[in-house]
Amino acid sequence: MNDALNMTIVRDVNLANEMSGTGPTLVWGHGLSSSMAKEDLFGLLDWPTVRHVTNLLRYDARGHGESGSTAEPMDYHWRNLALDQLALADALDIGSYIAGGASMGCA
């Protein structure tokens, strides 16, 4: 993860996120029990190359990595995690974007 880590309150929880690059916005979601830091550790993608062609927004989903968590199990249902992503895009004034991810992140 780079030094541009931000915390954005989304649907009553702080989501850790970072955005950098140029071009169309790509919002990337990580897999279940993963995080931005774990993806960086395992070298899942060549993020500098991705940032060269997109404005890349990565974030730690609710209850993962540096993001906050809640005690309500339904907050982690795929539908609610998708609502978190949409709310994060809204909070960051991202009108339209390409959604991508691995495992849970593409669900």
PDB file of N, CA and C in Angstrom:
ATOM      1  N   MET A   1       0.849  -1.174   0.000  1.00  0.00           N
ATOM      2  CA  MET A   1       0.000   0.000   0.000  1.00  0.00           C
ATOM      3  C   MET A   1       0.894   1.237   0.000  1.00  0.00           C
ATOM      4  N   ASN A   2       0.435   2.292  -0.656  1.00  0.00           N
ATOM      5  CA  ASN A   2       1.266   3.493  -0.674  1.00  0.00           C
ATOM      6  C   ASN A   2       0.901   4.416   0.486  1.00  0.00           C
ATOM      7  N   ASP A   3       1.534   5.587   0.551  1.00  0.00           N
ATOM      8  CA  ASP A   3       1.339   6.513   1.657  1.00  0.00           C
ATOM      9  C   ASP A   3       0.051   7.321   1.557  1.00  0.00           C
ATOM     10  N   ALA A   4      -0.748   7.119   0.518  1.00  0.00           N
ATOM     11  CA  ALA A   4      -1.936   7.940   0.299  1.00  0.00           C
ATOM     12  C   ALA A   4      -3.193   7.302   0.903  1.00  0.00           C
ATOM     13  N   LEU A   5      -3.050   6.567   2.018  1.00  0.00           N
ATOM     14  CA  LEU A   5      -4.192   5.912   2.645  1.00  0.00           C
ATOM     15  C   LEU A   5      -5.134   6.949   3.235  1.00  0.00           C
ATOM     16  N   ASN A   6      -6.406   6.843   2.858  1.00  0.00           N
ATOM     17  CA  ASN A   6      -7.454   7.729   3.371  1.00  0.00           C
ATOM     18  C   ASN A   6      -8.468   6.892   4.118  1.00  0.00           C
ATOM     19  N   MET A   7      -9.190   7.543   5.023  1.00  0.00           N
ATOM     20  CA  MET A   7     -10.312   6.910   5.712  1.00  0.00           C
ATOM     21  C   MET A   7     -11.556   7.707   5.351  1.00  0.00           C
ATOM     22  N   THR A   8     -12.567   7.025   4.845  1.00  0.00           N
ATOM     23  CA  THR A   8     -13.808   7.670   4.432  1.00  0.00           C
ATOM     24  C   THR A   8     -14.965   6.978   5.132  1.00  0.00           C
ATOM     25  N   ILE A   9     -15.805   7.754   5.829  1.00  0.00           N
ATOM     26  CA  ILE A   9     -16.966   7.177   6.498  1.00  0.00           C
ATOM     27  C   ILE A   9     -18.023   6.846   5.451  1.00  0.00           C
ATOM     28  N   VAL A  10     -18.400   5.575   5.422  1.00  0.00           N
ATOM     29  CA  VAL A  10     -19.372   5.061   4.463  1.00  0.00           C
ATOM     30  C   VAL A  10     -20.345   4.167   5.216  1.00  0.00           C
ATOM     31  N   ARG A  11     -21.618   4.522   5.196  1.00  0.00           N
ATOM     32  CA  ARG A  11     -22.642   3.694   5.828  1.00  0.00           C
ATOM     33  C   ARG A  11     -22.246   3.279   7.247  1.00  0.00           C
ATOM     34  N   ASP A  12     -21.840   4.270   8.036  1.00  0.00           N
ATOM     35  CA  ASP A  12     -21.523   4.112   9.462  1.00  0.00           C
ATOM     36  C   ASP A  12     -20.250   3.323   9.763  1.00  0.00           C
ATOM     37  N   VAL A  13     -19.342   3.231   8.810  1.00  0.00           N
ATOM     38  CA  VAL A  13     -18.056   2.583   9.074  1.00  0.00           C
ATOM     39  C   VAL A  13     -16.973   3.305   8.274  1.00  0.00           C
ATOM     40  N   ASN A  14     -15.768   3.374   8.832  1.00  0.00           N
ATOM     41  CA  ASN A  14     -14.629   3.970   8.133  1.00  0.00           C
ATOM     42  C   ASN A  14     -14.047   2.946   7.172  1.00  0.00           C
ATOM     43  N   LEU A  15     -13.956   3.303   5.892  1.00  0.00           N
ATOM     44  CA  LEU A  15     -13.318   2.433   4.908  1.00  0.00           C
ATOM     45  C   LEU A  15     -11.974   3.022   4.513  1.00  0.00           C
ATOM     46  N   ALA A  16     -10.917   2.233   4.691  1.00  0.00           N
ATOM     47  CA  ALA A  16      -9.583   2.630   4.249  1.00  0.00           C
ATOM     48  C   ALA A  16      -9.557   2.571   2.730  1.00  0.00           C
ATOM     49  N   ASN A  17      -8.982   3.589   2.107  1.00  0.00           N
ATOM     50  CA  ASN A  17      -8.958   3.615   0.649  1.00  0.00           C
ATOM     51  C   ASN A  17      -7.791   4.440   0.152  1.00  0.00           C
ATOM     52  N   GLU A  18      -7.439   4.213  -1.092  1.00  0.00           N
ATOM     53  CA  GLU A  18      -6.411   5.000  -1.767  1.00  0.00           C
ATOM     54  C   GLU A  18      -6.807   5.153  -3.221  1.00  0.00           C
ATOM     55  N   MET A  19      -6.524   6.338  -3.758  1.00  0.00           N
ATOM     56  CA  MET A  19      -6.862   6.602  -5.155  1.00  0.00           C
ATOM     57  C   MET A  19      -5.713   7.352  -5.799  1.00  0.00           C
ATOM     58  N   SER A  20      -5.268   6.842  -6.942  1.00  0.00           N
ATOM     59  CA  SER A  20      -4.229   7.526  -7.702  1.00  0.00           C
ATOM     60  C   SER A  20      -4.209   6.981  -9.118  1.00  0.00           C
ATOM     61  N   GLY A  21      -3.627   7.749  -9.994  1.00  0.00           N
ATOM     62  CA  GLY A  21      -3.507   7.360 -11.389  1.00  0.00           C
ATOM     63  C   GLY A  21      -4.227   8.336 -12.296  1.00  0.00           C
ATOM     64  N   THR A  22      -4.242   8.010 -13.578  1.00  0.00           N
ATOM     65  CA  THR A  22      -4.910   8.849 -14.567  1.00  0.00           C
ATOM     66  C   THR A  22      -5.706   7.977 -15.515  1.00  0.00           C
ATOM     67  N   GLY A  23      -6.776   8.541 -16.036  1.00  0.00           N
ATOM     68  CA  GLY A  23      -7.624   7.812 -16.970  1.00  0.00           C
ATOM     69  C   GLY A  23      -8.965   7.512 -16.347  1.00  0.00           C
ATOM     70  N   PRO A  24      -9.711   6.591 -16.959  1.00  0.00           N
ATOM     71  CA  PRO A  24     -11.008   6.232 -16.411  1.00  0.00           C
ATOM     72  C   PRO A  24     -10.845   5.588 -15.035  1.00  0.00           C
ATOM     73  N   THR A  25     -11.824   5.784 -14.178  1.00  0.00           N
ATOM     74  CA  THR A  25     -11.721   5.262 -12.813  1.00  0.00           C
ATOM     75  C   THR A  25     -12.037   3.775 -12.772  1.00  0.00           C
ATOM     76  N   LEU A  26     -11.147   3.023 -12.131  1.00  0.00           N
ATOM     77  CA  LEU A  26     -11.321   1.604 -11.844  1.00  0.00           C
ATOM     78  C   LEU A  26     -11.427   1.465 -10.335  1.00  0.00           C
ATOM     79  N   VAL A  27     -12.543   0.932  -9.846  1.00  0.00           N
ATOM     80  CA  VAL A  27     -12.701   0.651  -8.419  1.00  0.00           C
ATOM     81  C   VAL A  27     -12.451  -0.841  -8.236  1.00  0.00           C
ATOM     82  N   TRP A  28     -11.446  -1.163  -7.417  1.00  0.00           N
ATOM     83  CA  TRP A  28     -11.009  -2.539  -7.246  1.00  0.00           C
ATOM     84  C   TRP A  28     -11.371  -3.045  -5.852  1.00  0.00           C
ATOM     85  N   GLY A  29     -12.019  -4.202  -5.795  1.00  0.00           N
ATOM     86  CA  GLY A  29     -12.347  -4.859  -4.533  1.00  0.00           C
ATOM     87  C   GLY A  29     -11.509  -6.110  -4.337  1.00  0.00           C
ATOM     88  N   HIS A  30     -10.969  -6.279  -3.148  1.00  0.00           N
ATOM     89  CA  HIS A  30     -10.135  -7.442  -2.830  1.00  0.00           C
ATOM     90  C   HIS A  30     -10.986  -8.665  -2.478  1.00  0.00           C
ATOM     91  N   GLY A  31     -10.342  -9.789  -2.331  1.00  0.00           N
ATOM     92  CA  GLY A  31     -11.021 -11.033  -2.000  1.00  0.00           C
ATOM     93  C   GLY A  31     -11.338 -11.184  -0.516  1.00  0.00           C
ATOM     94  N   LEU A  32     -12.149 -12.177  -0.200  1.00  0.00           N
ATOM     95  CA  LEU A  32     -12.553 -12.475   1.168  1.00  0.00           C
ATOM     96  C   LEU A  32     -11.337 -12.725   2.049  1.00  0.00           C
ATOM     97  N   SER A  33     -11.337 -12.110   3.203  1.00  0.00           N
ATOM     98  CA  SER A  33     -10.271 -12.166   4.217  1.00  0.00           C
ATOM     99  C   SER A  33      -8.944 -11.589   3.705  1.00  0.00           C
ATOM    100  N   SER A  34      -8.994 -10.796   2.652  1.00  0.00           N
ATOM    101  CA  SER A  34      -7.805 -10.131   2.126  1.00  0.00           C
ATOM    102  C   SER A  34      -7.892  -8.641   2.439  1.00  0.00           C
ATOM    103  N   SER A  35      -7.016  -7.875   1.831  1.00  0.00           N
ATOM    104  CA  SER A  35      -6.959  -6.421   2.026  1.00  0.00           C
ATOM    105  C   SER A  35      -6.013  -5.849   0.981  1.00  0.00           C
ATOM    106  N   MET A  36      -5.927  -4.519   0.935  1.00  0.00           N
ATOM    107  CA  MET A  36      -4.963  -3.891   0.026  1.00  0.00           C
ATOM    108  C   MET A  36      -3.550  -4.349   0.370  1.00  0.00           C
ATOM    109  N   ALA A  37      -3.235  -4.370   1.654  1.00  0.00           N
ATOM    110  CA  ALA A  37      -1.875  -4.743   2.084  1.00  0.00           C
ATOM    111  C   ALA A  37      -1.545  -6.188   1.694  1.00  0.00           C
ATOM    112  N   LYS A  38      -2.492  -7.094   1.859  1.00  0.00           N
ATOM    113  CA  LYS A  38      -2.238  -8.490   1.483  1.00  0.00           C
ATOM    114  C   LYS A  38      -2.071  -8.628  -0.023  1.00  0.00           C
ATOM    115  N   GLU A  39      -2.884  -7.905  -0.794  1.00  0.00           N
ATOM    116  CA  GLU A  39      -2.716  -7.956  -2.247  1.00  0.00           C
ATOM    117  C   GLU A  39      -1.342  -7.429  -2.643  1.00  0.00           C
ATOM    118  N   ASP A  40      -0.881  -6.372  -1.968  1.00  0.00           N
ATOM    119  CA  ASP A  40       0.449  -5.840  -2.257  1.00  0.00           C
ATOM    120  C   ASP A  40       1.527  -6.866  -1.912  1.00  0.00           C
ATOM    121  N   LEU A  41       1.380  -7.521  -0.768  1.00  0.00           N
ATOM    122  CA  LEU A  41       2.345  -8.513  -0.311  1.00  0.00           C
ATOM    123  C   LEU A  41       2.478  -9.671  -1.294  1.00  0.00           C
ATOM    124  N   PHE A  42       1.343 -10.129  -1.820  1.00  0.00           N
ATOM    125  CA  PHE A  42       1.345 -11.280  -2.721  1.00  0.00           C
ATOM    126  C   PHE A  42       1.526 -10.910  -4.187  1.00  0.00           C
ATOM    127  N   GLY A  43       1.609  -9.605  -4.489  1.00  0.00           N
ATOM    128  CA  GLY A  43       1.850  -9.173  -5.867  1.00  0.00           C
ATOM    129  C   GLY A  43       0.755  -9.586  -6.826  1.00  0.00           C
ATOM    130  N   LEU A  44      -0.495  -9.484  -6.367  1.00  0.00           N
ATOM    131  CA  LEU A  44      -1.625  -9.907  -7.195  1.00  0.00           C
ATOM    132  C   LEU A  44      -1.622  -9.248  -8.569  1.00  0.00           C
ATOM    133  N   LEU A  45      -1.455  -7.922  -8.592  1.00  0.00           N
ATOM    134  CA  LEU A  45      -1.407  -7.177  -9.846  1.00  0.00           C
ATOM    135  C   LEU A  45      -0.251  -6.192  -9.818  1.00  0.00           C
ATOM    136  N   ASP A  46       0.139  -5.759 -10.979  1.00  0.00           N
ATOM    137  CA  ASP A  46       1.177  -4.736 -11.106  1.00  0.00           C
ATOM    138  C   ASP A  46       0.498  -3.373 -11.005  1.00  0.00           C
ATOM    139  N   TRP A  47       0.285  -2.910  -9.775  1.00  0.00           N
ATOM    140  CA  TRP A  47      -0.487  -1.685  -9.541  1.00  0.00           C
ATOM    141  C   TRP A  47       0.090  -0.465 -10.242  1.00  0.00           C
ATOM    142  N   PRO A  48       1.418  -0.252 -10.308  1.00  0.00           N
ATOM    143  CA  PRO A  48       1.925   0.915 -11.040  1.00  0.00           C
ATOM    144  C   PRO A  48       1.484   0.920 -12.508  1.00  0.00           C
ATOM    145  N   THR A  49       1.447  -0.233 -13.143  1.00  0.00           N
ATOM    146  CA  THR A  49       0.995  -0.300 -14.529  1.00  0.00           C
ATOM    147  C   THR A  49      -0.495   0.005 -14.625  1.00  0.00           C
ATOM    148  N   VAL A  50      -1.284  -0.518 -13.677  1.00  0.00           N
ATOM    149  CA  VAL A  50      -2.723  -0.243 -13.668  1.00  0.00           C
ATOM    150  C   VAL A  50      -2.960   1.253 -13.489  1.00  0.00           C
ATOM    151  N   ARG A  51      -2.190   1.888 -12.577  1.00  0.00           N
ATOM    152  CA  ARG A  51      -2.344   3.331 -12.336  1.00  0.00           C
ATOM    153  C   ARG A  51      -1.920   4.169 -13.546  1.00  0.00           C
ATOM    154  N   HIS A  52      -1.101   3.603 -14.393  1.00  0.00           N
ATOM    155  CA  HIS A  52      -0.644   4.319 -15.584  1.00  0.00           C
ATOM    156  C   HIS A  52      -1.789   4.513 -16.589  1.00  0.00           C
ATOM    157  N   VAL A  53      -2.769   3.619 -16.556  1.00  0.00           N
ATOM    158  CA  VAL A  53      -3.858   3.687 -17.535  1.00  0.00           C
ATOM    159  C   VAL A  53      -5.233   3.932 -16.911  1.00  0.00           C
ATOM    160  N   THR A  54      -5.308   3.945 -15.574  1.00  0.00           N
ATOM    161  CA  THR A  54      -6.592   4.198 -14.902  1.00  0.00           C
ATOM    162  C   THR A  54      -6.379   5.087 -13.679  1.00  0.00           C
ATOM    163  N   ASN A  55      -7.445   5.708 -13.252  1.00  0.00           N
ATOM    164  CA  ASN A  55      -7.512   6.345 -11.944  1.00  0.00           C
ATOM    165  C   ASN A  55      -7.989   5.229 -11.014  1.00  0.00           C
ATOM    166  N   LEU A  56      -7.082   4.631 -10.269  1.00  0.00           N
ATOM    167  CA  LEU A  56      -7.354   3.424  -9.495  1.00  0.00           C
ATOM    168  C   LEU A  56      -7.793   3.766  -8.078  1.00  0.00           C
ATOM    169  N   LEU A  57      -8.986   3.290  -7.702  1.00  0.00           N
ATOM    170  CA  LEU A  57      -9.465   3.377  -6.323  1.00  0.00           C
ATOM    171  C   LEU A  57      -9.470   1.976  -5.751  1.00  0.00           C
ATOM    172  N   ARG A  58      -8.657   1.772  -4.729  1.00  0.00           N
ATOM    173  CA  ARG A  58      -8.640   0.507  -3.987  1.00  0.00           C
ATOM    174  C   ARG A  58      -9.137   0.803  -2.581  1.00  0.00           C
ATOM    175  N   TYR A  59      -9.755  -0.178  -1.961  1.00  0.00           N
ATOM    176  CA  TYR A  59     -10.232   0.024  -0.594  1.00  0.00           C
ATOM    177  C   TYR A  59     -10.277  -1.307   0.142  1.00  0.00           C
ATOM    178  N   ASP A  60     -10.203  -1.220   1.462  1.00  0.00           N
ATOM    179  CA  ASP A  60     -10.394  -2.384   2.314  1.00  0.00           C
ATOM    180  C   ASP A  60     -11.878  -2.451   2.650  1.00  0.00           C
ATOM    181  N   ALA A  61     -12.502  -3.566   2.320  1.00  0.00           N
ATOM    182  CA  ALA A  61     -13.931  -3.733   2.602  1.00  0.00           C
ATOM    183  C   ALA A  61     -14.178  -3.709   4.110  1.00  0.00           C
ATOM    184  N   ARG A  62     -15.391  -3.451   4.455  1.00  0.00           N
ATOM    185  CA  ARG A  62     -15.847  -3.478   5.855  1.00  0.00           C
ATOM    186  C   ARG A  62     -15.321  -4.748   6.545  1.00  0.00           C
ATOM    187  N   GLY A  63     -14.681  -4.560   7.706  1.00  0.00           N
ATOM    188  CA  GLY A  63     -14.190  -5.700   8.467  1.00  0.00           C
ATOM    189  C   GLY A  63     -12.898  -6.309   7.958  1.00  0.00           C
ATOM    190  N   HIS A  64     -12.248  -5.669   7.009  1.00  0.00           N
ATOM    191  CA  HIS A  64     -11.010  -6.175   6.420  1.00  0.00           C
ATOM    192  C   HIS A  64      -9.916  -5.122   6.530  1.00  0.00           C
ATOM    193  N   GLY A  65      -8.674  -5.563   6.609  1.00  0.00           N
ATOM    194  CA  GLY A  65      -7.528  -4.649   6.593  1.00  0.00           C
ATOM    195  C   GLY A  65      -7.654  -3.525   7.595  1.00  0.00           C
ATOM    196  N   GLU A  66      -7.499  -2.306   7.113  1.00  0.00           N
ATOM    197  CA  GLU A  66      -7.513  -1.118   7.967  1.00  0.00           C
ATOM    198  C   GLU A  66      -8.914  -0.515   8.154  1.00  0.00           C
ATOM    199  N   SER A  67      -9.923  -1.093   7.513  1.00  0.00           N
ATOM    200  CA  SER A  67     -11.287  -0.562   7.618  1.00  0.00           C
ATOM    201  C   SER A  67     -11.947  -0.979   8.923  1.00  0.00           C
ATOM    202  N   GLY A  68     -12.954  -0.214   9.297  1.00  0.00           N
ATOM    203  CA  GLY A  68     -13.709  -0.527  10.500  1.00  0.00           C
ATOM    204  C   GLY A  68     -14.636  -1.708  10.279  1.00  0.00           C
ATOM    205  N   SER A  69     -15.231  -2.154  11.374  1.00  0.00           N
ATOM    206  CA  SER A  69     -16.138  -3.296  11.316  1.00  0.00           C
ATOM    207  C   SER A  69     -17.397  -2.999  12.119  1.00  0.00           C
ATOM    208  N   THR A  70     -18.371  -3.848  11.962  1.00  0.00           N
ATOM    209  CA  THR A  70     -19.615  -3.762  12.721  1.00  0.00           C
ATOM    210  C   THR A  70     -19.927  -5.147  13.274  1.00  0.00           C
ATOM    211  N   ALA A  71     -20.821  -5.213  14.236  1.00  0.00           N
ATOM    212  CA  ALA A  71     -21.167  -6.485  14.873  1.00  0.00           C
ATOM    213  C   ALA A  71     -22.333  -7.197  14.188  1.00  0.00           C
ATOM    214  N   GLU A  72     -22.990  -6.533  13.235  1.00  0.00           N
ATOM    215  CA  GLU A  72     -24.165  -7.094  12.582  1.00  0.00           C
ATOM    216  C   GLU A  72     -23.763  -7.982  11.399  1.00  0.00           C
ATOM    217  N   PRO A  73     -24.018  -9.298  11.474  1.00  0.00           N
ATOM    218  CA  PRO A  73     -23.622 -10.198  10.383  1.00  0.00           C
ATOM    219  C   PRO A  73     -24.170  -9.799   9.011  1.00  0.00           C
ATOM    220  N   MET A  74     -25.385  -9.273   8.937  1.00  0.00           N
ATOM    221  CA  MET A  74     -25.957  -8.911   7.629  1.00  0.00           C
ATOM    222  C   MET A  74     -25.208  -7.761   6.957  1.00  0.00           C
ATOM    223  N   ASP A  75     -24.425  -6.987   7.720  1.00  0.00           N
ATOM    224  CA  ASP A  75     -23.627  -5.917   7.121  1.00  0.00           C
ATOM    225  C   ASP A  75     -22.588  -6.467   6.146  1.00  0.00           C
ATOM    226  N   TYR A  76     -22.303  -7.782   6.242  1.00  0.00           N
ATOM    227  CA  TYR A  76     -21.271  -8.401   5.419  1.00  0.00           C
ATOM    228  C   TYR A  76     -21.860  -9.227   4.274  1.00  0.00           C
ATOM    229  N   HIS A  77     -23.153  -9.172   4.092  1.00  0.00           N
ATOM    230  CA  HIS A  77     -23.813  -9.840   2.964  1.00  0.00           C
ATOM    231  C   HIS A  77     -23.333  -9.170   1.680  1.00  0.00           C
ATOM    232  N   TRP A  78     -23.202  -9.938   0.603  1.00  0.00           N
ATOM    233  CA  TRP A  78     -22.708  -9.386  -0.668  1.00  0.00           C
ATOM    234  C   TRP A  78     -23.430  -8.101  -1.046  1.00  0.00           C
ATOM    235  N   ARG A  79     -24.751  -8.097  -0.863  1.00  0.00           N
ATOM    236  CA  ARG A  79     -25.552  -6.920  -1.230  1.00  0.00           C
ATOM    237  C   ARG A  79     -25.079  -5.682  -0.461  1.00  0.00           C
ATOM    238  N   ASN A  80     -24.816  -5.839   0.826  1.00  0.00           N
ATOM    239  CA  ASN A  80     -24.385  -4.695   1.627  1.00  0.00           C
ATOM    240  C   ASN A  80     -22.952  -4.279   1.320  1.00  0.00           C
ATOM    241  N   LEU A  81     -22.101  -5.230   0.995  1.00  0.00           N
ATOM    242  CA  LEU A  81     -20.741  -4.862   0.590  1.00  0.00           C
ATOM    243  C   LEU A  81     -20.774  -4.094  -0.730  1.00  0.00           C
ATOM    244  N   ALA A  82     -21.684  -4.467  -1.629  1.00  0.00           N
ATOM    245  CA  ALA A  82     -21.851  -3.715  -2.879  1.00  0.00           C
ATOM    246  C   ALA A  82     -22.359  -2.309  -2.593  1.00  0.00           C
ATOM    247  N   LEU A  83     -23.289  -2.174  -1.656  1.00  0.00           N
ATOM    248  CA  LEU A  83     -23.780  -0.843  -1.288  1.00  0.00           C
ATOM    249  C   LEU A  83     -22.660   0.008  -0.692  1.00  0.00           C
ATOM    250  N   ASP A  84     -21.749  -0.630   0.057  1.00  0.00           N
ATOM    251  CA  ASP A  84     -20.585   0.101   0.580  1.00  0.00           C
ATOM    252  C   ASP A  84     -19.751   0.659  -0.567  1.00  0.00           C
ATOM    253  N   GLN A  85     -19.518  -0.159  -1.609  1.00  0.00           N
ATOM    254  CA  GLN A  85     -18.721   0.307  -2.742  1.00  0.00           C
ATOM    255  C   GLN A  85     -19.393   1.479  -3.444  1.00  0.00           C
ATOM    256  N   LEU A  86     -20.680   1.367  -3.677  1.00  0.00           N
ATOM    257  CA  LEU A  86     -21.408   2.463  -4.320  1.00  0.00           C
ATOM    258  C   LEU A  86     -21.362   3.730  -3.469  1.00  0.00           C
ATOM    259  N   ALA A  87     -21.526   3.584  -2.158  1.00  0.00           N
ATOM    260  CA  ALA A  87     -21.496   4.740  -1.254  1.00  0.00           C
ATOM    261  C   ALA A  87     -20.104   5.357  -1.198  1.00  0.00           C
ATOM    262  N   LEU A  88     -19.055   4.528  -1.255  1.00  0.00           N
ATOM    263  CA  LEU A  88     -17.689   5.060  -1.277  1.00  0.00           C
ATOM    264  C   LEU A  88     -17.472   5.873  -2.547  1.00  0.00           C
ATOM    265  N   ALA A  89     -17.907   5.350  -3.684  1.00  0.00           N
ATOM    266  CA  ALA A  89     -17.778   6.099  -4.943  1.00  0.00           C
ATOM    267  C   ALA A  89     -18.526   7.423  -4.845  1.00  0.00           C
ATOM    268  N   ASP A  90     -19.716   7.410  -4.283  1.00  0.00           N
ATOM    269  CA  ASP A  90     -20.475   8.655  -4.108  1.00  0.00           C
ATOM    270  C   ASP A  90     -19.738   9.625  -3.192  1.00  0.00           C
ATOM    271  N   ALA A  91     -19.208   9.121  -2.077  1.00  0.00           N
ATOM    272  CA  ALA A  91     -18.513   9.973  -1.112  1.00  0.00           C
ATOM    273  C   ALA A  91     -17.274  10.628  -1.728  1.00  0.00           C
ATOM    274  N   LEU A  92     -16.671   9.956  -2.702  1.00  0.00           N
ATOM    275  CA  LEU A  92     -15.467  10.477  -3.355  1.00  0.00           C
ATOM    276  C   LEU A  92     -15.786  11.188  -4.666  1.00  0.00           C
ATOM    277  N   ASP A  93     -17.063  11.460  -4.911  1.00  0.00           N
ATOM    278  CA  ASP A  93     -17.518  12.169  -6.116  1.00  0.00           C
ATOM    279  C   ASP A  93     -17.117  11.472  -7.411  1.00  0.00           C
ATOM    280  N   ILE A  94     -17.204  10.158  -7.415  1.00  0.00           N
ATOM    281  CA  ILE A  94     -16.933   9.381  -8.620  1.00  0.00           C
ATOM    282  C   ILE A  94     -18.279   9.086  -9.268  1.00  0.00           C
ATOM    283  N   GLY A  95     -18.520   9.670 -10.431  1.00  0.00           N
ATOM    284  CA  GLY A  95     -19.806   9.505 -11.091  1.00  0.00           C
ATOM    285  C   GLY A  95     -19.985   8.148 -11.737  1.00  0.00           C
ATOM    286  N   SER A  96     -19.033   7.750 -12.525  1.00  0.00           N
ATOM    287  CA  SER A  96     -19.101   6.439 -13.174  1.00  0.00           C
ATOM    288  C   SER A  96     -17.722   5.800 -13.076  1.00  0.00           C
ATOM    289  N   TYR A  97     -17.717   4.481 -13.091  1.00  0.00           N
ATOM    290  CA  TYR A  97     -16.441   3.783 -12.945  1.00  0.00           C
ATOM    291  C   TYR A  97     -16.550   2.369 -13.476  1.00  0.00           C
ATOM    292  N   ILE A  98     -15.397   1.785 -13.665  1.00  0.00           N
ATOM    293  CA  ILE A  98     -15.290   0.359 -14.011  1.00  0.00           C
ATOM    294  C   ILE A  98     -15.081  -0.362 -12.700  1.00  0.00           C
ATOM    295  N   ALA A  99     -15.874  -1.399 -12.442  1.00  0.00           N
ATOM    296  CA  ALA A  99     -15.724  -2.180 -11.225  1.00  0.00           C
ATOM    297  C   ALA A  99     -14.939  -3.451 -11.544  1.00  0.00           C
ATOM    298  N   GLY A 100     -13.982  -3.742 -10.694  1.00  0.00           N
ATOM    299  CA  GLY A 100     -13.206  -4.961 -10.846  1.00  0.00           C
ATOM    300  C   GLY A 100     -12.857  -5.514  -9.487  1.00  0.00           C
ATOM    301  N   GLY A 101     -12.411  -6.742  -9.456  1.00  0.00           N
ATOM    302  CA  GLY A 101     -12.030  -7.326  -8.180  1.00  0.00           C
ATOM    303  C   GLY A 101     -11.665  -8.768  -8.290  1.00  0.00           C
ATOM    304  N   ALA A 102     -11.262  -9.310  -7.155  1.00  0.00           N
ATOM    305  CA  ALA A 102     -10.904 -10.711  -7.048  1.00  0.00           C
ATOM    306  C   ALA A 102     -11.832 -11.361  -6.026  1.00  0.00           C
ATOM    307  N   SER A 103     -12.363 -12.532  -6.359  1.00  0.00           N
ATOM    308  CA  SER A 103     -13.182 -13.297  -5.430  1.00  0.00           C
ATOM    309  C   SER A 103     -14.320 -12.451  -4.879  1.00  0.00           C
ATOM    310  N   MET A 104     -14.368 -12.219  -3.568  1.00  0.00           N
ATOM    311  CA  MET A 104     -15.409 -11.405  -2.964  1.00  0.00           C
ATOM    312  C   MET A 104     -15.492 -10.022  -3.607  1.00  0.00           C
ATOM    313  N   GLY A 105     -14.364  -9.481  -3.990  1.00  0.00           N
ATOM    314  CA  GLY A 105     -14.321  -8.147  -4.562  1.00  0.00           C
ATOM    315  C   GLY A 105     -15.042  -8.007  -5.891  1.00  0.00           C
ATOM    316  N   CYS A 106     -15.255  -9.110  -6.583  1.00  0.00           N
ATOM    317  CA  CYS A 106     -16.020  -9.022  -7.831  1.00  0.00           C
ATOM    318  C   CYS A 106     -17.454  -9.479  -7.628  1.00  0.00           C
ATOM    319  N   ALA A 107     -17.755  -9.955  -6.436  1.00  0.00           N
ATOM    320  CA  ALA A 107     -19.133 -10.368  -6.142  1.00  0.00           C
ATOM    321  C   ALA A 107     -19.969  -9.122  -5.902  1.00  0.00           C
TER     322      ALA A 107
END
